[in-house]
Amino acid sequence: MVQTTRRTFTSWLAAMAAGALPASGRAQATRSAPAIPKLRIVIPANEGGGWDQTGRALGAAMTAAGAVGQVEYENIGGKGGTIGLARYVEKYDADPDTVLISGMVMVGAVALQRPAVDMSRIAPLARLTSDYEMVVVKADSPIVTARDLIAKLRSDAAGTAIAGGSAGGVDHMFAGMLARAAGNAAGLVYQPFAGGAQVVSAVESGKALAGVSGYSEFSEHIASGNLRAIGVSSKNPFLGVPSVRQQGVDADLANWRGVFTGKAVPAQRQAVLLDAARRAVATEVWQKTVKRSNWDNYWMEGKDFQSFLELNQAMAGALTYILKLKA
């Protein structure tokens, strides 16, 4: 668990309590007090991955915006976020000062695993970002293009393991799309991992022929020359990498991440949490992180976000069936 540094307004408040500030200073200090003195952000994944990066970026931006005074982060990894989801509902369902990071990965994991606690138990606040799936291979791999990978999946599915995030998540879905394009969805050998670092290790060690995840989790290894990007899940080229669709593979998919709260948190408090997120994404701190991570801003809130979420859940259920994904 990591804590951010308390913003400087706290020293002003202490001085005000001691009577060290004039009336005008006391008024200014009072006005600058954040609506949320302390916030806990639960991240249902291990440190270092896309959810973790998003949660910590959101917390930093909330404090930069002055909406939150102090942030704590709690990582609870495993099974596409469903372990963290269950723990969040159990411990923080009515906690007005705790939010949960979630997204398409959890939607897919719930569709595949059908856990006792699903996403109907949390309340959506806002969709934050989207991120394309990158397909990578080891730098010296004979697989050079997405077409090469499809050909390998067609001829030797058992020897073409693909590593990615948790079972049922967006990485798994995209791997399933590639296997279906090869005409062998049922033969997909998918290696699920809880974090991006493990996906990288599987590809670099040769345990997996290819890896699928967000660009931000592969970027350092692509830049260092250890991994080679062979395709991306967008409809158009991304950072100089051709889309798999451009290479004749009929597959495209975007990941998304968002922030949720407990179903038992009062509507008035949910509005305060939503406002903190809204202020955060307007900060320079947030925009720089989005640019550096090569995410897309993907803001949505209210009824629009609720409808979007319901559509995603229906789509995930259909894809799980069509692609023959296995837990």
C-alpha atoms as a PDB file:
ATOM      1  CA  MET A   1       0.000   0.000   0.000  1.00  0.00           C
ATOM      2  CA  VAL A   2       1.364   3.389  -0.926  1.00  0.00           C
ATOM      3  CA  GLN A   3       0.373   6.813   0.357  1.00  0.00           C
ATOM      4  CA  THR A   4       0.720  10.100  -1.413  1.00  0.00           C
ATOM      5  CA  THR A   5       2.107  13.132   0.370  1.00  0.00           C
ATOM      6  CA  ARG A   6      -0.509  15.316   2.039  1.00  0.00           C
ATOM      7  CA  ARG A   7      -0.985  18.600   0.157  1.00  0.00           C
ATOM      8  CA  THR A   8       0.262  21.862   1.576  1.00  0.00           C
ATOM      9  CA  PHE A   9      -3.197  23.048   2.572  1.00  0.00           C
ATOM     10  CA  THR A  10      -2.914  20.816   5.668  1.00  0.00           C
ATOM     11  CA  SER A  11      -0.198  23.045   7.126  1.00  0.00           C
ATOM     12  CA  TRP A  12      -2.453  26.056   6.569  1.00  0.00           C
ATOM     13  CA  LEU A  13      -5.256  24.321   8.399  1.00  0.00           C
ATOM     14  CA  ALA A  14      -2.939  23.542  11.294  1.00  0.00           C
ATOM     15  CA  ALA A  15      -1.850  27.183  11.440  1.00  0.00           C
ATOM     16  CA  MET A  16      -5.462  28.306  11.369  1.00  0.00           C
ATOM     17  CA  ALA A  17      -6.257  26.036  14.313  1.00  0.00           C
ATOM     18  CA  ALA A  18      -3.368  27.574  16.219  1.00  0.00           C
ATOM     19  CA  GLY A  19      -4.604  31.090  15.412  1.00  0.00           C
ATOM     20  CA  ALA A  20      -1.489  31.914  13.382  1.00  0.00           C
ATOM     21  CA  LEU A  21      -3.367  33.089  10.306  1.00  0.00           C
ATOM     22  CA  PRO A  22      -5.285  36.339   9.918  1.00  0.00           C
ATOM     23  CA  ALA A  23      -9.007  36.208   9.130  1.00  0.00           C
ATOM     24  CA  SER A  24      -8.397  36.478   5.378  1.00  0.00           C
ATOM     25  CA  GLY A  25      -5.894  33.630   5.506  1.00  0.00           C
ATOM     26  CA  ARG A  26      -8.287  31.501   7.535  1.00  0.00           C
ATOM     27  CA  ALA A  27     -11.029  32.062   4.978  1.00  0.00           C
ATOM     28  CA  GLN A  28      -8.699  31.137   2.124  1.00  0.00           C
ATOM     29  CA  ALA A  29      -7.535  27.997   3.932  1.00  0.00           C
ATOM     30  CA  THR A  30     -11.117  26.958   4.558  1.00  0.00           C
ATOM     31  CA  ARG A  31     -12.054  27.439   0.915  1.00  0.00           C
ATOM     32  CA  SER A  32      -9.085  25.341  -0.244  1.00  0.00           C
ATOM     33  CA  ALA A  33      -9.969  22.332   1.918  1.00  0.00           C
ATOM     34  CA  PRO A  34     -10.752  19.351  -0.348  1.00  0.00           C
ATOM     35  CA  ALA A  35     -14.212  17.807  -0.425  1.00  0.00           C
ATOM     36  CA  ILE A  36     -12.566  14.427   0.251  1.00  0.00           C
ATOM     37  CA  PRO A  37      -9.809  14.672   2.901  1.00  0.00           C
ATOM     38  CA  LYS A  38      -8.727  11.052   2.430  1.00  0.00           C
ATOM     39  CA  LEU A  39      -9.589   8.571  -0.334  1.00  0.00           C
ATOM     40  CA  ARG A  40      -8.793   4.898  -0.765  1.00  0.00           C
ATOM     41  CA  ILE A  41      -8.477   3.572  -4.324  1.00  0.00           C
ATOM     42  CA  VAL A  42      -8.852  -0.193  -4.580  1.00  0.00           C
ATOM     43  CA  ILE A  43      -7.032  -1.627  -7.603  1.00  0.00           C
ATOM     44  CA  PRO A  44      -8.150  -5.221  -8.354  1.00  0.00           C
ATOM     45  CA  ALA A  45      -4.808  -6.197  -9.879  1.00  0.00           C
ATOM     46  CA  ASN A  46      -1.134  -6.477  -9.006  1.00  0.00           C
ATOM     47  CA  GLU A  47       1.147  -3.452  -9.109  1.00  0.00           C
ATOM     48  CA  GLY A  48       2.549  -2.301 -12.439  1.00  0.00           C
ATOM     49  CA  GLY A  49      -0.257  -3.232 -14.831  1.00  0.00           C
ATOM     50  CA  GLY A  50      -2.798  -1.082 -16.633  1.00  0.00           C
ATOM     51  CA  TRP A  51      -5.315  -0.917 -13.794  1.00  0.00           C
ATOM     52  CA  ASP A  52      -2.572  -0.059 -11.323  1.00  0.00           C
ATOM     53  CA  GLN A  53      -1.207   2.674 -13.596  1.00  0.00           C
ATOM     54  CA  THR A  54      -4.710   4.087 -14.071  1.00  0.00           C
ATOM     55  CA  GLY A  55      -5.597   4.039 -10.378  1.00  0.00           C
ATOM     56  CA  ARG A  56      -2.397   5.728  -9.273  1.00  0.00           C
ATOM     57  CA  ALA A  57      -2.628   8.303 -12.074  1.00  0.00           C
ATOM     58  CA  LEU A  58      -6.194   9.104 -11.010  1.00  0.00           C
ATOM     59  CA  GLY A  59      -5.164   9.509  -7.376  1.00  0.00           C
ATOM     60  CA  ALA A  60      -2.277  11.812  -8.287  1.00  0.00           C
ATOM     61  CA  ALA A  61      -4.557  13.917 -10.490  1.00  0.00           C
ATOM     62  CA  MET A  62      -7.233  14.146  -7.793  1.00  0.00           C
ATOM     63  CA  THR A  63      -4.718  15.545  -5.316  1.00  0.00           C
ATOM     64  CA  ALA A  64      -3.284  17.878  -7.971  1.00  0.00           C
ATOM     65  CA  ALA A  65      -6.805  19.182  -8.602  1.00  0.00           C
ATOM     66  CA  GLY A  66      -7.301  19.837  -4.889  1.00  0.00           C
ATOM     67  CA  ALA A  67     -10.325  17.529  -4.849  1.00  0.00           C
ATOM     68  CA  VAL A  68      -8.660  15.004  -2.510  1.00  0.00           C
ATOM     69  CA  GLY A  69      -6.204  15.594   0.306  1.00  0.00           C
ATOM     70  CA  GLN A  70      -4.576  12.192   0.664  1.00  0.00           C
ATOM     71  CA  VAL A  71      -4.796   8.933  -1.269  1.00  0.00           C
ATOM     72  CA  GLU A  72      -4.164   5.335  -0.265  1.00  0.00           C
ATOM     73  CA  TYR A  73      -3.912   2.502  -2.799  1.00  0.00           C
ATOM     74  CA  GLU A  74      -4.886  -1.095  -2.118  1.00  0.00           C
ATOM     75  CA  ASN A  75      -3.932  -3.761  -4.674  1.00  0.00           C
ATOM     76  CA  ILE A  76      -5.962  -6.992  -4.661  1.00  0.00           C
ATOM     77  CA  GLY A  77      -4.983  -9.059  -7.693  1.00  0.00           C
ATOM     78  CA  GLY A  78      -6.258 -12.250  -9.252  1.00  0.00           C
ATOM     79  CA  LYS A  79      -8.787 -13.741 -11.676  1.00  0.00           C
ATOM     80  CA  GLY A  80      -9.345 -10.719 -13.873  1.00  0.00           C
ATOM     81  CA  GLY A  81     -10.236  -8.483 -10.955  1.00  0.00           C
ATOM     82  CA  THR A  82     -13.022 -10.700  -9.623  1.00  0.00           C
ATOM     83  CA  ILE A  83     -11.171 -11.373  -6.360  1.00  0.00           C
ATOM     84  CA  GLY A  84     -10.716  -7.641  -5.808  1.00  0.00           C
ATOM     85  CA  LEU A  85     -14.348  -7.037  -6.763  1.00  0.00           C
ATOM     86  CA  ALA A  86     -15.614  -9.489  -4.151  1.00  0.00           C
ATOM     87  CA  ARG A  87     -13.331  -8.038  -1.480  1.00  0.00           C
ATOM     88  CA  TYR A  88     -14.403  -4.511  -2.354  1.00  0.00           C
ATOM     89  CA  VAL A  89     -18.102  -5.365  -2.047  1.00  0.00           C
ATOM     90  CA  GLU A  90     -17.485  -7.168   1.245  1.00  0.00           C
ATOM     91  CA  LYS A  91     -15.404  -4.423   2.887  1.00  0.00           C
ATOM     92  CA  TYR A  92     -16.283  -1.144   1.195  1.00  0.00           C
ATOM     93  CA  ASP A  93     -19.825  -1.392  -0.176  1.00  0.00           C
ATOM     94  CA  ALA A  94     -21.007   1.506   2.013  1.00  0.00           C
ATOM     95  CA  ASP A  95     -17.653   3.272   2.443  1.00  0.00           C
ATOM     96  CA  PRO A  96     -18.009   6.870   1.164  1.00  0.00           C
ATOM     97  CA  ASP A  97     -14.240   7.285   0.897  1.00  0.00           C
ATOM     98  CA  THR A  98     -13.290   4.223  -1.166  1.00  0.00           C
ATOM     99  CA  VAL A  99     -13.554   3.713  -4.925  1.00  0.00           C
ATOM    100  CA  LEU A 100     -12.737   0.801  -7.227  1.00  0.00           C
ATOM    101  CA  ILE A 101     -10.878   0.813 -10.540  1.00  0.00           C
ATOM    102  CA  SER A 102     -12.456  -1.513 -13.089  1.00  0.00           C
ATOM    103  CA  GLY A 103     -12.984  -1.942 -16.810  1.00  0.00           C
ATOM    104  CA  MET A 104     -13.395  -4.278 -19.749  1.00  0.00           C
ATOM    105  CA  VAL A 105     -11.049  -6.879 -18.267  1.00  0.00           C
ATOM    106  CA  MET A 106     -13.367  -7.365 -15.289  1.00  0.00           C
ATOM    107  CA  VAL A 107     -16.444  -7.402 -17.545  1.00  0.00           C
ATOM    108  CA  GLY A 108     -14.927 -10.266 -19.518  1.00  0.00           C
ATOM    109  CA  ALA A 109     -13.707 -12.141 -16.451  1.00  0.00           C
ATOM    110  CA  VAL A 110     -17.178 -12.010 -14.903  1.00  0.00           C
ATOM    111  CA  ALA A 111     -18.746 -13.269 -18.146  1.00  0.00           C
ATOM    112  CA  LEU A 112     -16.338 -16.223 -18.268  1.00  0.00           C
ATOM    113  CA  GLN A 113     -16.066 -17.136 -14.588  1.00  0.00           C
ATOM    114  CA  ARG A 114     -19.621 -16.284 -13.433  1.00  0.00           C
ATOM    115  CA  PRO A 115     -18.490 -15.469  -9.864  1.00  0.00           C
ATOM    116  CA  ALA A 116     -20.912 -15.123  -6.951  1.00  0.00           C
ATOM    117  CA  VAL A 117     -20.189 -11.386  -6.817  1.00  0.00           C
ATOM    118  CA  ASP A 118     -20.584  -9.639 -10.170  1.00  0.00           C
ATOM    119  CA  MET A 119     -20.569  -6.031 -11.379  1.00  0.00           C
ATOM    120  CA  SER A 120     -24.226  -5.505 -10.521  1.00  0.00           C
ATOM    121  CA  ARG A 121     -22.931  -5.070  -6.954  1.00  0.00           C
ATOM    122  CA  ILE A 122     -21.018  -1.839  -7.701  1.00  0.00           C
ATOM    123  CA  ALA A 123     -22.099   1.601  -8.953  1.00  0.00           C
ATOM    124  CA  PRO A 124     -20.424   3.124 -12.045  1.00  0.00           C
ATOM    125  CA  LEU A 125     -19.032   6.642 -11.676  1.00  0.00           C
ATOM    126  CA  ALA A 126     -17.060   7.366 -14.847  1.00  0.00           C
ATOM    127  CA  ARG A 127     -15.281   5.778 -17.785  1.00  0.00           C
ATOM    128  CA  LEU A 128     -11.759   7.230 -17.977  1.00  0.00           C
ATOM    129  CA  THR A 129      -9.522   5.838 -20.728  1.00  0.00           C
ATOM    130  CA  SER A 130      -9.288   3.394 -23.597  1.00  0.00           C
ATOM    131  CA  ASP A 131      -6.260   1.439 -24.674  1.00  0.00           C
ATOM    132  CA  TYR A 132      -5.571  -0.723 -27.740  1.00  0.00           C
ATOM    133  CA  GLU A 133      -4.259  -4.263 -27.581  1.00  0.00           C
ATOM    134  CA  MET A 134      -0.727  -4.796 -28.847  1.00  0.00           C
ATOM    135  CA  VAL A 135       0.496  -8.149 -30.150  1.00  0.00           C
ATOM    136  CA  VAL A 136       4.198  -8.771 -29.530  1.00  0.00           C
ATOM    137  CA  VAL A 137       6.732 -11.518 -30.116  1.00  0.00           C
ATOM    138  CA  LYS A 138      10.327 -12.027 -29.046  1.00  0.00           C
ATOM    139  CA  ALA A 139      12.702  -9.838 -31.063  1.00  0.00           C
ATOM    140  CA  ASP A 140      14.308 -12.790 -32.852  1.00  0.00           C
ATOM    141  CA  SER A 141      11.057 -14.650 -33.500  1.00  0.00           C
ATOM    142  CA  PRO A 142      10.408 -15.906 -37.058  1.00  0.00           C
ATOM    143  CA  ILE A 143       6.892 -14.458 -36.615  1.00  0.00           C
ATOM    144  CA  VAL A 144       7.155 -11.015 -38.259  1.00  0.00           C
ATOM    145  CA  THR A 145       3.557 -10.071 -39.048  1.00  0.00           C
ATOM    146  CA  ALA A 146       0.064 -10.750 -37.750  1.00  0.00           C
ATOM    147  CA  ARG A 147      -0.491 -12.896 -40.846  1.00  0.00           C
ATOM    148  CA  ASP A 148       2.486 -15.042 -39.810  1.00  0.00           C
ATOM    149  CA  LEU A 149       0.897 -15.542 -36.390  1.00  0.00           C
ATOM    150  CA  ILE A 150      -2.445 -16.505 -37.908  1.00  0.00           C
ATOM    151  CA  ALA A 151      -0.694 -19.024 -40.177  1.00  0.00           C
ATOM    152  CA  LYS A 152       1.072 -20.517 -37.151  1.00  0.00           C
ATOM    153  CA  LEU A 153      -2.194 -20.713 -35.192  1.00  0.00           C
ATOM    154  CA  ARG A 154      -3.754 -22.487 -38.167  1.00  0.00           C
ATOM    155  CA  SER A 155      -0.973 -25.041 -38.622  1.00  0.00           C
ATOM    156  CA  ASP A 156       0.132 -25.640 -35.035  1.00  0.00           C
ATOM    157  CA  ALA A 157      -2.304 -24.248 -32.457  1.00  0.00           C
ATOM    158  CA  ALA A 158      -0.933 -26.480 -29.683  1.00  0.00           C
ATOM    159  CA  GLY A 159       2.562 -25.045 -30.167  1.00  0.00           C
ATOM    160  CA  THR A 160       1.414 -21.432 -30.441  1.00  0.00           C
ATOM    161  CA  ALA A 161       0.754 -20.340 -26.871  1.00  0.00           C
ATOM    162  CA  ILE A 162      -0.339 -16.730 -26.433  1.00  0.00           C
ATOM    163  CA  ALA A 163       0.261 -14.991 -23.094  1.00  0.00           C
ATOM    164  CA  GLY A 164      -1.934 -12.214 -21.754  1.00  0.00           C
ATOM    165  CA  GLY A 165      -3.925 -10.959 -18.801  1.00  0.00           C
ATOM    166  CA  SER A 166      -6.443 -12.850 -16.728  1.00  0.00           C
ATOM    167  CA  ALA A 167      -8.788 -15.413 -18.249  1.00  0.00           C
ATOM    168  CA  GLY A 168     -11.841 -13.838 -19.831  1.00  0.00           C
ATOM    169  CA  GLY A 169     -10.330 -10.370 -19.997  1.00  0.00           C
ATOM    170  CA  VAL A 170      -9.811  -8.221 -23.054  1.00  0.00           C
ATOM    171  CA  ASP A 171      -6.378  -9.779 -23.789  1.00  0.00           C
ATOM    172  CA  HIS A 172      -7.982 -13.232 -23.792  1.00  0.00           C
ATOM    173  CA  MET A 173     -10.815 -11.991 -26.002  1.00  0.00           C
ATOM    174  CA  PHE A 174      -8.418 -10.574 -28.565  1.00  0.00           C
ATOM    175  CA  ALA A 175      -6.328 -13.739 -28.561  1.00  0.00           C
ATOM    176  CA  GLY A 176      -9.575 -15.624 -29.156  1.00  0.00           C
ATOM    177  CA  MET A 177     -10.364 -13.349 -32.104  1.00  0.00           C
ATOM    178  CA  LEU A 178      -6.976 -14.154 -33.623  1.00  0.00           C
ATOM    179  CA  ALA A 179      -7.539 -17.889 -33.138  1.00  0.00           C
ATOM    180  CA  ARG A 180     -11.001 -17.613 -34.691  1.00  0.00           C
ATOM    181  CA  ALA A 181      -9.517 -15.762 -37.679  1.00  0.00           C
ATOM    182  CA  ALA A 182      -7.203 -18.777 -38.056  1.00  0.00           C
ATOM    183  CA  GLY A 183     -10.269 -21.048 -38.043  1.00  0.00           C
ATOM    184  CA  ASN A 184      -9.238 -22.720 -34.808  1.00  0.00           C
ATOM    185  CA  ALA A 185     -10.871 -20.921 -31.866  1.00  0.00           C
ATOM    186  CA  ALA A 186     -11.264 -24.143 -29.874  1.00  0.00           C
ATOM    187  CA  GLY A 187      -7.544 -24.889 -30.217  1.00  0.00           C
ATOM    188  CA  LEU A 188      -6.315 -21.652 -28.612  1.00  0.00           C
ATOM    189  CA  VAL A 189      -3.629 -22.189 -25.978  1.00  0.00           C
ATOM    190  CA  TYR A 190      -3.890 -19.131 -23.751  1.00  0.00           C
ATOM    191  CA  GLN A 191      -1.607 -18.455 -20.797  1.00  0.00           C
ATOM    192  CA  PRO A 192      -3.287 -16.031 -18.338  1.00  0.00           C
ATOM    193  CA  PHE A 193      -1.207 -13.891 -15.992  1.00  0.00           C
ATOM    194  CA  ALA A 194      -2.113 -11.391 -13.276  1.00  0.00           C
ATOM    195  CA  GLY A 195       0.340  -8.719 -14.444  1.00  0.00           C
ATOM    196  CA  GLY A 196       2.011  -7.345 -17.561  1.00  0.00           C
ATOM    197  CA  ALA A 197       5.507  -8.144 -16.285  1.00  0.00           C
ATOM    198  CA  GLN A 198       4.655 -11.843 -16.264  1.00  0.00           C
ATOM    199  CA  VAL A 199       3.338 -11.647 -19.822  1.00  0.00           C
ATOM    200  CA  VAL A 200       6.606 -10.048 -20.936  1.00  0.00           C
ATOM    201  CA  SER A 201       8.608 -12.744 -19.115  1.00  0.00           C
ATOM    202  CA  ALA A 202       6.605 -15.528 -20.776  1.00  0.00           C
ATOM    203  CA  VAL A 203       7.305 -14.137 -24.250  1.00  0.00           C
ATOM    204  CA  GLU A 204      10.959 -13.287 -23.656  1.00  0.00           C
ATOM    205  CA  SER A 205      11.637 -16.727 -22.147  1.00  0.00           C
ATOM    206  CA  GLY A 206       9.940 -18.529 -25.031  1.00  0.00           C
ATOM    207  CA  LYS A 207       7.191 -20.059 -22.878  1.00  0.00           C
ATOM    208  CA  ALA A 208       4.714 -18.203 -25.090  1.00  0.00           C
ATOM    209  CA  LEU A 209       5.130 -17.507 -28.781  1.00  0.00           C
ATOM    210  CA  ALA A 210       3.278 -14.193 -28.571  1.00  0.00           C
ATOM    211  CA  GLY A 211       1.879 -11.808 -26.001  1.00  0.00           C
ATOM    212  CA  VAL A 212      -1.209  -9.611 -25.954  1.00  0.00           C
ATOM    213  CA  SER A 213      -1.675  -6.594 -23.672  1.00  0.00           C
ATOM    214  CA  GLY A 214      -1.887  -2.809 -23.670  1.00  0.00           C
ATOM    215  CA  TYR A 215       0.960  -0.869 -25.261  1.00  0.00           C
ATOM    216  CA  SER A 216       1.901   0.778 -21.959  1.00  0.00           C
ATOM    217  CA  GLU A 217       2.829  -2.633 -20.520  1.00  0.00           C
ATOM    218  CA  PHE A 218       5.104  -3.499 -23.468  1.00  0.00           C
ATOM    219  CA  SER A 219       6.527  -0.072 -24.375  1.00  0.00           C
ATOM    220  CA  GLU A 220       9.847  -0.293 -22.486  1.00  0.00           C
ATOM    221  CA  HIS A 221      10.563  -3.765 -23.821  1.00  0.00           C
ATOM    222  CA  ILE A 222       9.722  -2.754 -27.394  1.00  0.00           C
ATOM    223  CA  ALA A 223      11.965   0.314 -27.064  1.00  0.00           C
ATOM    224  CA  SER A 224      14.831  -1.804 -25.669  1.00  0.00           C
ATOM    225  CA  GLY A 225      14.579  -4.222 -28.603  1.00  0.00           C
ATOM    226  CA  ASN A 226      13.644  -7.263 -26.508  1.00  0.00           C
ATOM    227  CA  LEU A 227      10.152  -7.469 -27.990  1.00  0.00           C
ATOM    228  CA  ARG A 228       8.792  -6.695 -31.455  1.00  0.00           C
ATOM    229  CA  ALA A 229       5.266  -5.403 -32.036  1.00  0.00           C
ATOM    230  CA  ILE A 230       3.578  -7.146 -34.980  1.00  0.00           C
ATOM    231  CA  GLY A 231       0.059  -5.721 -34.807  1.00  0.00           C
ATOM    232  CA  VAL A 232      -2.415  -3.634 -32.863  1.00  0.00           C
ATOM    233  CA  SER A 233      -6.154  -4.025 -32.252  1.00  0.00           C
ATOM    234  CA  SER A 234      -7.102  -0.591 -33.615  1.00  0.00           C
ATOM    235  CA  LYS A 235      -8.617  -0.087 -37.065  1.00  0.00           C
ATOM    236  CA  ASN A 236      -5.689   2.137 -38.113  1.00  0.00           C
ATOM    237  CA  PRO A 237      -1.920   2.135 -37.476  1.00  0.00           C
ATOM    238  CA  PHE A 238      -0.910   3.028 -33.920  1.00  0.00           C
ATOM    239  CA  LEU A 239       2.539   4.418 -33.072  1.00  0.00           C
ATOM    240  CA  GLY A 240       3.824   3.127 -36.381  1.00  0.00           C
ATOM    241  CA  VAL A 241       2.530  -0.391 -35.805  1.00  0.00           C
ATOM    242  CA  PRO A 242       0.059  -1.626 -38.447  1.00  0.00           C
ATOM    243  CA  SER A 243      -3.324  -2.835 -37.261  1.00  0.00           C
ATOM    244  CA  VAL A 244      -4.063  -6.527 -37.598  1.00  0.00           C
ATOM    245  CA  ARG A 245      -7.064  -5.548 -39.740  1.00  0.00           C
ATOM    246  CA  GLN A 246      -4.716  -3.828 -42.208  1.00  0.00           C
ATOM    247  CA  GLN A 247      -2.874  -7.126 -42.418  1.00  0.00           C
ATOM    248  CA  GLY A 248      -5.986  -8.989 -43.482  1.00  0.00           C
ATOM    249  CA  VAL A 249      -7.040 -10.229 -40.033  1.00  0.00           C
ATOM    250  CA  ASP A 250     -10.659  -9.387 -39.285  1.00  0.00           C
ATOM    251  CA  ALA A 251     -10.287  -8.358 -35.630  1.00  0.00           C
ATOM    252  CA  ASP A 252     -10.270  -5.099 -33.707  1.00  0.00           C
ATOM    253  CA  LEU A 253     -11.005  -4.365 -30.057  1.00  0.00           C
ATOM    254  CA  ALA A 254     -10.444  -1.572 -27.530  1.00  0.00           C
ATOM    255  CA  ASN A 255      -9.929  -1.893 -23.805  1.00  0.00           C
ATOM    256  CA  TRP A 256     -11.346   0.670 -21.372  1.00  0.00           C
ATOM    257  CA  ARG A 257     -10.912   1.525 -17.704  1.00  0.00           C
ATOM    258  CA  GLY A 258     -13.124   3.391 -15.278  1.00  0.00           C
ATOM    259  CA  VAL A 259     -13.904   4.158 -11.647  1.00  0.00           C
ATOM    260  CA  PHE A 260     -16.758   2.754  -9.552  1.00  0.00           C
ATOM    261  CA  THR A 261     -18.097   3.082  -6.022  1.00  0.00           C
ATOM    262  CA  GLY A 262     -20.199   0.976  -3.636  1.00  0.00           C
ATOM    263  CA  LYS A 263     -23.880   0.423  -4.271  1.00  0.00           C
ATOM    264  CA  ALA A 264     -24.660   1.447  -0.668  1.00  0.00           C
ATOM    265  CA  VAL A 265     -22.851   4.805  -0.939  1.00  0.00           C
ATOM    266  CA  PRO A 266     -25.509   7.587  -0.896  1.00  0.00           C
ATOM    267  CA  ALA A 267     -26.226   9.342  -4.202  1.00  0.00           C
ATOM    268  CA  GLN A 268     -25.071  12.680  -2.793  1.00  0.00           C
ATOM    269  CA  ARG A 269     -21.674  11.219  -1.913  1.00  0.00           C
ATOM    270  CA  GLN A 270     -21.430   9.483  -5.287  1.00  0.00           C
ATOM    271  CA  ALA A 271     -21.857  12.925  -6.854  1.00  0.00           C
ATOM    272  CA  VAL A 272     -18.919  14.240  -4.782  1.00  0.00           C
ATOM    273  CA  LEU A 273     -16.729  11.312  -5.898  1.00  0.00           C
ATOM    274  CA  LEU A 274     -17.746  11.852  -9.521  1.00  0.00           C
ATOM    275  CA  ASP A 275     -16.880  15.545  -9.284  1.00  0.00           C
ATOM    276  CA  ALA A 276     -13.430  14.638  -7.915  1.00  0.00           C
ATOM    277  CA  ALA A 277     -12.840  12.370 -10.928  1.00  0.00           C
ATOM    278  CA  ARG A 278     -14.152  15.031 -13.304  1.00  0.00           C
ATOM    279  CA  ARG A 279     -11.762  17.623 -11.858  1.00  0.00           C
ATOM    280  CA  ALA A 280      -8.883  15.141 -11.962  1.00  0.00           C
ATOM    281  CA  VAL A 281      -9.107  14.426 -15.683  1.00  0.00           C
ATOM    282  CA  ALA A 282      -8.989  18.168 -16.398  1.00  0.00           C
ATOM    283  CA  THR A 283      -5.552  18.525 -14.772  1.00  0.00           C
ATOM    284  CA  GLU A 284      -2.257  18.793 -16.602  1.00  0.00           C
ATOM    285  CA  VAL A 285      -0.983  15.928 -14.434  1.00  0.00           C
ATOM    286  CA  TRP A 286      -3.632  13.595 -15.857  1.00  0.00           C
ATOM    287  CA  GLN A 287      -3.226  14.749 -19.456  1.00  0.00           C
ATOM    288  CA  LYS A 288       0.535  14.224 -19.323  1.00  0.00           C
ATOM    289  CA  THR A 289       0.041  10.699 -17.995  1.00  0.00           C
ATOM    290  CA  VAL A 290      -2.488   9.896 -20.727  1.00  0.00           C
ATOM    291  CA  LYS A 291      -0.073  11.134 -23.380  1.00  0.00           C
ATOM    292  CA  ARG A 292       2.932   9.348 -21.885  1.00  0.00           C
ATOM    293  CA  SER A 293       1.010   6.065 -21.575  1.00  0.00           C
ATOM    294  CA  ASN A 294      -0.484   6.392 -25.079  1.00  0.00           C
ATOM    295  CA  TRP A 295      -4.011   6.052 -23.700  1.00  0.00           C
ATOM    296  CA  ASP A 296      -7.026   7.795 -25.190  1.00  0.00           C
ATOM    297  CA  ASN A 297      -9.252  10.015 -23.059  1.00  0.00           C
ATOM    298  CA  TYR A 298     -12.580   8.178 -22.996  1.00  0.00           C
ATOM    299  CA  TRP A 299     -14.707  10.085 -20.498  1.00  0.00           C
ATOM    300  CA  MET A 300     -18.307   9.043 -19.957  1.00  0.00           C
ATOM    301  CA  GLU A 301     -20.600   9.358 -16.921  1.00  0.00           C
ATOM    302  CA  GLY A 302     -24.194   9.030 -15.748  1.00  0.00           C
ATOM    303  CA  LYS A 303     -26.845   7.158 -17.711  1.00  0.00           C
ATOM    304  CA  ASP A 304     -24.630   7.054 -20.794  1.00  0.00           C
ATOM    305  CA  PHE A 305     -21.961   5.138 -18.885  1.00  0.00           C
ATOM    306  CA  GLN A 306     -24.563   2.804 -17.361  1.00  0.00           C
ATOM    307  CA  SER A 307     -25.951   1.993 -20.824  1.00  0.00           C
ATOM    308  CA  PHE A 308     -22.437   1.508 -22.209  1.00  0.00           C
ATOM    309  CA  LEU A 309     -21.627  -0.884 -19.367  1.00  0.00           C
ATOM    310  CA  GLU A 310     -24.759  -2.953 -19.974  1.00  0.00           C
ATOM    311  CA  LEU A 311     -23.896  -3.214 -23.682  1.00  0.00           C
ATOM    312  CA  ASN A 312     -20.336  -4.292 -22.847  1.00  0.00           C
ATOM    313  CA  GLN A 313     -21.587  -6.986 -20.501  1.00  0.00           C
ATOM    314  CA  ALA A 314     -23.876  -8.379 -23.193  1.00  0.00           C
ATOM    315  CA  MET A 315     -21.038  -8.273 -25.751  1.00  0.00           C
ATOM    316  CA  ALA A 316     -18.631 -10.025 -23.363  1.00  0.00           C
ATOM    317  CA  GLY A 317     -21.093 -12.839 -22.804  1.00  0.00           C
ATOM    318  CA  ALA A 318     -21.549 -13.297 -26.557  1.00  0.00           C
ATOM    319  CA  LEU A 319     -17.804 -13.198 -27.287  1.00  0.00           C
ATOM    320  CA  THR A 320     -17.054 -15.701 -24.532  1.00  0.00           C
ATOM    321  CA  TYR A 321     -19.437 -18.131 -26.205  1.00  0.00           C
ATOM    322  CA  ILE A 322     -18.493 -17.443 -29.831  1.00  0.00           C
ATOM    323  CA  LEU A 323     -14.753 -17.546 -29.197  1.00  0.00           C
ATOM    324  CA  LYS A 324     -15.041 -20.657 -27.015  1.00  0.00           C
ATOM    325  CA  LEU A 325     -12.991 -19.035 -24.247  1.00  0.00           C
ATOM    326  CA  LYS A 326     -12.046 -21.314 -21.369  1.00  0.00           C
ATOM    327  CA  ALA A 327     -11.456 -20.366 -17.757  1.00  0.00           C
END
